[in-house]
Amino acid sequence: MLKIGVIGGGKFGTNHLIAFSQLEKSGRAKLVALADLSPEILKTQQARFGVKTYSDHREMLAREELDGVTVATPDHAHRSVTLDALAAGKPVLVEKPLDTTVEGCQEIIAAARQNKCFLQVDFHKRYDPYHQETERLVREGNLGEIQYGYVHMEDRIEVPRDWFPGWAPKSSPAWFLGIHFYDLIRWIIKKEPVEVYATGTKRVLVKLGVDTYDSIQAKISFEGGASVSFDTSWITPDGFEAVVNQGFRLMGDRGVAEVDSQDRGMRTCLVGAGMQTHNLGFMVEKRDKWGKNFLAGYGIEAIADFVDNLEYLKSGGDPAALAGTITALGEDGLAATRMAAAVHESIKSGRPVNLKG
């Protein structure tokens, strides 16, 4: 059984704790320890999962014999924490983005190579079955060569205002939302980005004391001439029926594919809650025949893939064989960060940014 430690036990770190605790029941992985700076988070998660807790991740890395570490800290903290885990000789799964600088990603990748450690980035949108089917259609040539596309991903304003007001100013719609689809589109069309032009608006959140962009619009050109527009924001009103409104469209020489990732076919309207749409693909609570609840969905599958890979490597598998698969490696994290960094550079300069120069 693989022994796993988690660094960061907040909103998304909770998904890691759930995934590994469920894998423990099947005998594949054991959730050994959690490190977090917040005493409240440590107390809550220890009570829920019975996990050993540390206020310093370095102490956890030094004391525990771990087969793998996952990093689910705020984006700007990924670099230092991941470097510590790699220096300790641990395989690492990092939540997107790998880092918010190109240099940071390069440093992390170099550290993984130096310490001979496996490095994976959690881009969970690759695991969405709708997205996997789109990737298959493109890979098998059903759409022909992609000519253009359109992506939108919009969060309700509660996300930067209420969930992450402390570190939202260190992030943006490009880093928090866009990077999902920068990676996804690159993975689907199997083309590298060559140029980025972007604009951004600061107005609503600044007035609320959160100094970051409300929305960012980016046009990214890829090898072979494909051009995809990415519209991202996190100021959708509180009354909107889903926390995330998202989807994309790809037009090719021989066909078109459209995915609505927000309205997947189920709506409810409950007293006090209003109209809501439900993404039961990402994470859904189920009950087995014995009445025990568990969580399933591509949000869990993406984290569990780290255990799949550790088992594969432990059995003598070649890590290089994972390149180009559904698993996102360090180099994929770097490619997505290059795009997000270029988006911000273009906004500041008002000019296109060449990624191939």
Protein backbone atom coordinates (compact mmCIF):
# COMPACT_ATOMS: atom_id res chain seq x y z
CA MET A 1 0.00 0.00 0.00
CA LEU A 2 1.41 3.36 -1.05
CA LYS A 3 1.81 5.90 1.75
CA ILE A 4 0.69 9.41 0.80
CA GLY A 5 1.16 12.80 2.43
CA VAL A 6 -0.89 15.87 1.49
CA ILE A 7 0.31 19.47 1.76
CA GLY A 8 -2.60 21.90 1.89
CA GLY A 9 -5.91 20.84 3.38
CA GLY A 10 -8.23 23.62 2.26
CA LYS A 11 -10.99 23.53 -0.36
CA PHE A 12 -9.19 21.51 -3.00
CA GLY A 13 -6.90 19.74 -0.56
CA THR A 14 -10.06 18.20 0.88
CA ASN A 15 -10.60 16.46 -2.46
CA HIS A 16 -7.13 14.94 -2.13
CA LEU A 17 -7.91 13.71 1.36
CA ILE A 18 -11.18 12.18 0.15
CA ALA A 19 -9.54 10.47 -2.82
CA PHE A 20 -6.75 8.88 -0.80
CA SER A 21 -8.99 7.88 2.11
CA GLN A 22 -11.24 6.06 -0.38
CA LEU A 23 -8.26 4.36 -2.01
CA GLU A 24 -7.17 3.25 1.46
CA LYS A 25 -10.37 1.21 1.74
CA SER A 26 -9.40 -0.68 -1.41
CA GLY A 27 -5.89 -1.31 -0.11
CA ARG A 28 -4.11 0.77 -2.75
CA ALA A 29 -3.01 3.85 -0.81
CA LYS A 30 -2.82 4.97 2.79
CA LEU A 31 -3.45 8.58 3.75
CA VAL A 32 -0.61 9.05 6.25
CA ALA A 33 -0.30 12.76 6.99
CA LEU A 34 -1.52 16.27 6.24
CA ALA A 35 0.47 19.50 6.53
CA ASP A 36 -1.19 22.92 6.63
CA LEU A 37 -0.45 26.30 8.17
CA SER A 38 -3.98 26.67 9.55
CA PRO A 39 -4.67 25.13 12.99
CA GLU A 40 -8.40 25.21 12.19
CA ILE A 41 -7.95 23.22 8.98
CA LEU A 42 -5.72 20.69 10.73
CA LYS A 43 -8.24 20.21 13.53
CA THR A 44 -11.17 19.82 11.12
CA GLN A 45 -9.42 17.40 8.78
CA GLN A 46 -7.93 15.33 11.60
CA ALA A 47 -11.42 14.85 13.03
CA ARG A 48 -12.86 13.95 9.63
CA PHE A 49 -10.12 11.69 8.24
CA GLY A 50 -8.17 10.58 11.32
CA VAL A 51 -4.99 11.73 9.63
CA LYS A 52 -1.77 12.72 11.41
CA THR A 53 -1.24 16.48 11.08
CA TYR A 54 1.72 18.85 10.84
CA SER A 55 1.88 22.65 10.85
CA ASP A 56 5.20 22.50 8.94
CA HIS A 57 5.36 20.44 5.76
CA ARG A 58 9.12 20.10 6.11
CA GLU A 59 8.66 18.30 9.41
CA MET A 60 6.17 15.95 7.74
CA LEU A 61 8.63 15.23 4.94
CA ALA A 62 11.41 14.52 7.41
CA ARG A 63 9.45 12.32 9.82
CA GLU A 64 7.13 10.31 7.60
CA GLU A 65 8.14 7.54 5.20
CA LEU A 66 6.07 8.60 2.20
CA ASP A 67 5.79 7.04 -1.25
CA GLY A 68 4.21 10.17 -2.67
CA VAL A 69 3.24 13.75 -1.83
CA THR A 70 0.47 15.94 -3.21
CA VAL A 71 0.49 19.74 -3.14
CA ALA A 72 -2.81 21.62 -2.87
CA THR A 73 -1.65 24.94 -1.41
CA PRO A 74 -2.57 28.35 -2.84
CA ASP A 75 -1.05 28.81 -6.29
CA HIS A 76 1.75 31.16 -5.28
CA ALA A 77 3.04 28.64 -2.70
CA HIS A 78 3.39 25.70 -5.08
CA ARG A 79 7.01 26.40 -5.98
CA SER A 80 8.67 26.34 -2.56
CA VAL A 81 6.60 23.48 -1.19
CA THR A 82 7.11 21.32 -4.28
CA LEU A 83 10.85 21.95 -4.26
CA ASP A 84 10.99 20.84 -0.62
CA ALA A 85 9.14 17.62 -1.44
CA LEU A 86 11.40 16.88 -4.41
CA ALA A 87 14.51 17.60 -2.35
CA ALA A 88 13.22 14.98 0.09
CA GLY A 89 13.17 12.50 -2.80
CA LYS A 90 9.37 12.22 -3.05
CA PRO A 91 7.24 11.79 -6.18
CA VAL A 92 4.88 14.77 -6.34
CA LEU A 93 1.43 15.60 -7.68
CA VAL A 94 0.92 19.39 -7.85
CA GLU A 95 -2.39 21.13 -8.36
CA LYS A 96 -2.49 23.45 -11.37
CA PRO A 97 -0.69 25.72 -12.03
CA LEU A 98 2.68 24.06 -11.52
CA ASP A 99 3.91 27.58 -10.70
CA THR A 100 2.89 31.10 -11.63
CA THR A 101 6.24 31.82 -13.30
CA VAL A 102 8.04 30.11 -16.16
CA GLU A 103 11.27 30.20 -14.15
CA GLY A 104 9.58 28.51 -11.22
CA CYS A 105 8.29 25.69 -13.42
CA GLN A 106 11.73 25.21 -14.92
CA GLU A 107 13.29 25.07 -11.46
CA ILE A 108 10.75 22.47 -10.32
CA ILE A 109 11.28 20.30 -13.41
CA ALA A 110 15.06 20.51 -12.96
CA ALA A 111 14.72 19.50 -9.31
CA ALA A 112 12.57 16.50 -10.26
CA ARG A 113 15.21 15.36 -12.75
CA GLN A 114 18.07 15.95 -10.33
CA ASN A 115 16.38 13.98 -7.58
CA LYS A 116 15.01 11.35 -9.99
CA CYS A 117 11.46 12.02 -8.80
CA PHE A 118 8.21 11.60 -10.71
CA LEU A 119 6.37 14.92 -11.21
CA GLN A 120 2.69 15.17 -12.17
CA VAL A 121 0.36 18.17 -12.47
CA ASP A 122 -3.36 17.85 -11.73
CA PHE A 123 -5.20 19.23 -14.74
CA HIS A 124 -8.45 17.48 -13.91
CA LYS A 125 -10.32 18.68 -16.99
CA ARG A 126 -8.42 16.08 -19.02
CA TYR A 127 -10.38 13.41 -17.12
CA ASP A 128 -13.84 14.77 -17.96
CA PRO A 129 -15.41 12.12 -20.26
CA TYR A 130 -16.82 14.83 -22.53
CA HIS A 131 -13.32 16.23 -22.98
CA GLN A 132 -11.83 12.77 -23.49
CA GLU A 133 -14.35 12.10 -26.25
CA THR A 134 -13.44 15.40 -27.93
CA GLU A 135 -9.76 14.47 -27.73
CA ARG A 136 -10.53 11.10 -29.35
CA LEU A 137 -12.48 12.72 -32.19
CA VAL A 138 -9.60 15.12 -32.91
CA ARG A 139 -6.91 12.44 -32.53
CA GLU A 140 -8.69 10.07 -34.93
CA GLY A 141 -9.18 12.83 -37.51
CA ASN A 142 -12.95 13.07 -37.33
CA LEU A 143 -12.86 16.87 -37.06
CA GLY A 144 -9.98 17.26 -39.51
CA GLU A 145 -7.42 19.98 -38.82
CA ILE A 146 -8.70 22.46 -36.23
CA GLN A 147 -9.14 25.96 -37.65
CA TYR A 148 -10.49 27.91 -34.68
CA GLY A 149 -12.19 27.56 -31.34
CA TYR A 150 -13.83 29.35 -28.44
CA VAL A 151 -13.55 28.69 -24.70
CA HIS A 152 -15.39 30.30 -21.81
CA MET A 153 -14.93 29.70 -18.08
CA GLU A 154 -16.61 32.00 -15.57
CA ASP A 155 -16.81 31.70 -11.78
CA ARG A 156 -19.36 33.32 -9.52
CA ILE A 157 -17.97 36.31 -7.69
CA GLU A 158 -18.06 34.41 -4.40
CA VAL A 159 -14.90 32.55 -5.43
CA PRO A 160 -12.43 35.47 -5.25
CA ARG A 161 -14.55 37.52 -2.83
CA ASP A 162 -15.44 34.85 -0.25
CA TRP A 163 -13.40 31.70 -0.87
CA PHE A 164 -9.92 33.12 -1.46
CA PRO A 165 -9.88 36.84 -0.62
CA GLY A 166 -6.44 36.49 0.97
CA TRP A 167 -4.65 35.19 -2.10
CA ALA A 168 -6.96 36.09 -5.00
CA PRO A 169 -4.90 39.30 -5.53
CA LYS A 170 -1.92 37.02 -6.25
CA SER A 171 -3.98 35.16 -8.86
CA SER A 172 -6.25 36.07 -11.77
CA PRO A 173 -8.88 34.57 -14.08
CA ALA A 174 -5.98 33.42 -16.28
CA TRP A 175 -4.12 31.65 -13.48
CA PHE A 176 -7.12 30.26 -11.64
CA LEU A 177 -9.44 29.44 -14.56
CA GLY A 178 -7.81 29.95 -17.93
CA ILE A 179 -4.90 27.64 -17.25
CA HIS A 180 -7.33 24.70 -17.10
CA PHE A 181 -8.29 25.27 -20.71
CA TYR A 182 -4.88 26.44 -21.95
CA ASP A 183 -3.72 22.95 -21.03
CA LEU A 184 -6.87 21.17 -22.19
CA ILE A 185 -6.95 22.67 -25.69
CA ARG A 186 -3.22 22.03 -26.17
CA TRP A 187 -3.77 18.40 -25.11
CA ILE A 188 -6.81 17.94 -27.35
CA ILE A 189 -5.38 19.41 -30.56
CA LYS A 190 -1.78 18.23 -29.98
CA LYS A 191 -0.35 21.56 -31.15
CA GLU A 192 2.03 23.96 -29.40
CA PRO A 193 1.08 27.64 -28.87
CA VAL A 194 2.98 30.19 -30.93
CA GLU A 195 1.44 33.60 -30.13
CA VAL A 196 -0.76 35.20 -27.47
CA TYR A 197 -2.71 38.44 -27.47
CA ALA A 198 -4.79 39.38 -24.42
CA THR A 199 -6.77 42.12 -22.73
CA GLY A 200 -8.03 42.38 -19.17
CA THR A 201 -10.36 44.48 -17.03
CA LYS A 202 -10.05 45.55 -13.39
CA ARG A 203 -13.16 47.20 -11.99
CA VAL A 204 -15.58 45.18 -9.85
CA LEU A 205 -13.21 43.28 -7.56
CA VAL A 206 -10.92 46.26 -7.00
CA LYS A 207 -13.88 48.13 -5.53
CA LEU A 208 -14.34 45.20 -3.11
CA GLY A 209 -10.73 45.41 -1.98
CA VAL A 210 -9.53 42.45 -4.08
CA ASP A 211 -6.89 43.83 -6.43
CA THR A 212 -7.02 41.48 -9.39
CA TYR A 213 -8.56 41.26 -12.85
CA ASP A 214 -12.31 40.77 -13.16
CA SER A 215 -11.99 39.22 -16.60
CA ILE A 216 -9.33 38.32 -19.13
CA GLN A 217 -9.77 37.65 -22.83
CA ALA A 218 -6.97 35.87 -24.70
CA LYS A 219 -6.50 34.78 -28.28
CA ILE A 220 -3.89 32.04 -28.64
CA SER A 221 -2.55 30.91 -32.01
CA PHE A 222 -1.22 27.37 -32.31
CA GLU A 223 1.04 25.55 -34.74
CA GLY A 224 -0.70 24.78 -38.01
CA GLY A 225 -2.80 27.95 -37.92
CA ALA A 226 -5.44 27.10 -35.32
CA SER A 227 -6.62 30.08 -33.28
CA VAL A 228 -8.59 29.74 -30.04
CA SER A 229 -10.21 32.51 -27.98
CA PHE A 230 -10.36 32.09 -24.20
CA ASP A 231 -12.79 34.24 -22.18
CA THR A 232 -12.36 33.95 -18.41
CA SER A 233 -13.83 35.84 -15.46
CA TRP A 234 -14.77 35.42 -11.82
CA ILE A 235 -17.44 38.10 -11.35
CA THR A 236 -20.60 36.25 -12.40
CA PRO A 237 -23.37 37.49 -10.05
CA ASP A 238 -24.24 35.62 -6.87
CA GLY A 239 -27.61 34.59 -8.26
CA PHE A 240 -26.18 32.69 -11.22
CA GLU A 241 -27.33 29.07 -11.16
CA ALA A 242 -23.86 27.45 -11.15
CA VAL A 243 -20.58 28.31 -9.43
CA VAL A 244 -18.81 27.66 -12.74
CA ASN A 245 -20.13 28.43 -16.22
CA GLN A 246 -17.88 26.76 -18.77
CA GLY A 247 -17.67 25.18 -22.18
CA PHE A 248 -15.86 25.21 -25.50
CA ARG A 249 -16.29 24.80 -29.26
CA LEU A 250 -13.76 23.59 -31.81
CA MET A 251 -14.23 23.96 -35.56
CA GLY A 252 -12.22 21.76 -37.89
CA ASP A 253 -11.97 21.11 -41.62
CA ARG A 254 -14.38 18.18 -41.35
CA GLY A 255 -16.51 18.84 -38.31
CA VAL A 256 -17.30 20.77 -35.15
CA ALA A 257 -17.42 19.72 -31.48
CA GLU A 258 -19.25 21.64 -28.76
CA VAL A 259 -19.16 20.91 -25.03
CA ASP A 260 -21.41 22.59 -22.46
CA SER A 261 -19.72 21.78 -19.16
CA GLN A 262 -22.17 23.83 -17.07
CA ASP A 263 -25.60 22.58 -18.11
CA ARG A 264 -25.19 18.79 -18.10
CA GLY A 265 -28.85 18.01 -17.93
CA MET A 266 -29.90 18.41 -14.30
CA ARG A 267 -31.53 21.44 -12.69
CA THR A 268 -33.11 21.91 -9.28
CA CYS A 269 -35.04 24.75 -7.70
CA LEU A 270 -35.23 24.47 -3.91
CA VAL A 271 -36.61 26.81 -1.27
CA GLY A 272 -33.84 29.18 -0.21
CA ALA A 273 -31.47 27.99 -2.92
CA GLY A 274 -33.11 29.08 -6.15
CA MET A 275 -32.38 27.53 -9.54
CA GLN A 276 -29.19 25.49 -9.73
CA THR A 277 -27.50 23.36 -12.37
CA HIS A 278 -25.39 20.44 -11.19
CA ASN A 279 -22.10 19.12 -12.60
CA LEU A 280 -22.43 15.51 -11.49
CA GLY A 281 -19.41 14.56 -13.59
CA PHE A 282 -16.81 16.41 -11.53
CA MET A 283 -17.78 15.09 -8.13
CA VAL A 284 -20.96 13.37 -7.00
CA GLU A 285 -21.92 11.70 -3.75
CA LYS A 286 -23.06 8.13 -4.28
CA ARG A 287 -24.23 5.36 -1.99
CA ASP A 288 -23.23 1.72 -2.28
CA LYS A 289 -25.65 -1.14 -1.79
CA TRP A 290 -24.85 -1.18 1.95
CA GLY A 291 -25.80 2.44 2.40
CA LYS A 292 -22.26 3.78 2.69
CA ASN A 293 -21.58 7.11 0.97
CA PHE A 294 -18.59 7.78 -1.27
CA LEU A 295 -17.56 10.40 -3.82
CA ALA A 296 -16.97 9.67 -7.49
CA GLY A 297 -16.27 11.66 -10.64
CA TYR A 298 -13.41 12.93 -12.73
CA GLY A 299 -12.26 15.22 -9.90
CA ILE A 300 -11.49 12.10 -7.87
CA GLU A 301 -10.17 10.13 -10.87
CA ALA A 302 -7.61 12.84 -11.65
CA ILE A 303 -6.09 12.55 -8.16
CA ALA A 304 -6.31 8.75 -8.15
CA ASP A 305 -4.32 8.74 -11.41
CA PHE A 306 -1.29 9.72 -9.32
CA VAL A 307 -1.60 6.43 -7.45
CA ASP A 308 -2.03 4.57 -10.76
CA ASN A 309 1.23 6.12 -11.95
CA LEU A 310 3.12 5.37 -8.74
CA GLU A 311 2.02 1.74 -9.00
CA TYR A 312 3.09 1.66 -12.65
CA LEU A 313 6.52 3.11 -11.82
CA LYS A 314 6.95 0.82 -8.82
CA SER A 315 6.42 -2.17 -11.09
CA GLY A 316 9.27 -1.00 -13.35
CA GLY A 317 7.32 1.17 -15.79
CA ASP A 318 9.09 3.83 -17.84
CA PRO A 319 8.04 7.36 -16.79
CA ALA A 320 8.79 8.62 -20.32
CA ALA A 321 5.94 6.42 -21.59
CA LEU A 322 3.46 8.62 -19.70
CA ALA A 323 4.25 11.63 -21.89
CA GLY A 324 1.35 12.47 -24.18
CA THR A 325 -1.14 10.39 -22.21
CA ILE A 326 -3.99 11.72 -20.08
CA THR A 327 -1.42 12.28 -17.30
CA ALA A 328 -0.02 15.83 -17.29
CA LEU A 329 3.70 15.85 -16.54
CA GLY A 330 5.93 18.72 -15.44
CA GLU A 331 6.56 19.78 -19.04
CA ASP A 332 2.82 20.09 -19.59
CA GLY A 333 2.59 22.30 -16.51
CA LEU A 334 5.38 24.46 -17.93
CA ALA A 335 3.60 24.77 -21.30
CA ALA A 336 0.38 25.95 -19.62
CA THR A 337 2.26 28.43 -17.44
CA ARG A 338 4.04 29.82 -20.52
CA MET A 339 0.63 30.61 -22.00
CA ALA A 340 -0.75 32.18 -18.80
CA ALA A 341 2.41 34.24 -18.29
CA ALA A 342 2.24 35.41 -21.90
CA VAL A 343 -1.40 36.41 -21.36
CA HIS A 344 -0.37 38.73 -18.53
CA GLU A 345 2.62 40.05 -20.47
CA SER A 346 0.37 40.87 -23.42
CA ILE A 347 -2.15 42.67 -21.20
CA LYS A 348 0.62 44.86 -19.76
CA SER A 349 2.32 45.62 -23.07
CA GLY A 350 -0.80 45.87 -25.24
CA ARG A 351 0.99 43.77 -27.87
CA PRO A 352 1.03 40.13 -29.00
CA VAL A 353 3.62 37.89 -27.34
CA ASN A 354 5.60 35.45 -29.47
CA LEU A 355 6.06 32.09 -27.71
CA LYS A 356 8.40 30.62 -30.33
CA GLY A 357 11.04 33.35 -30.40
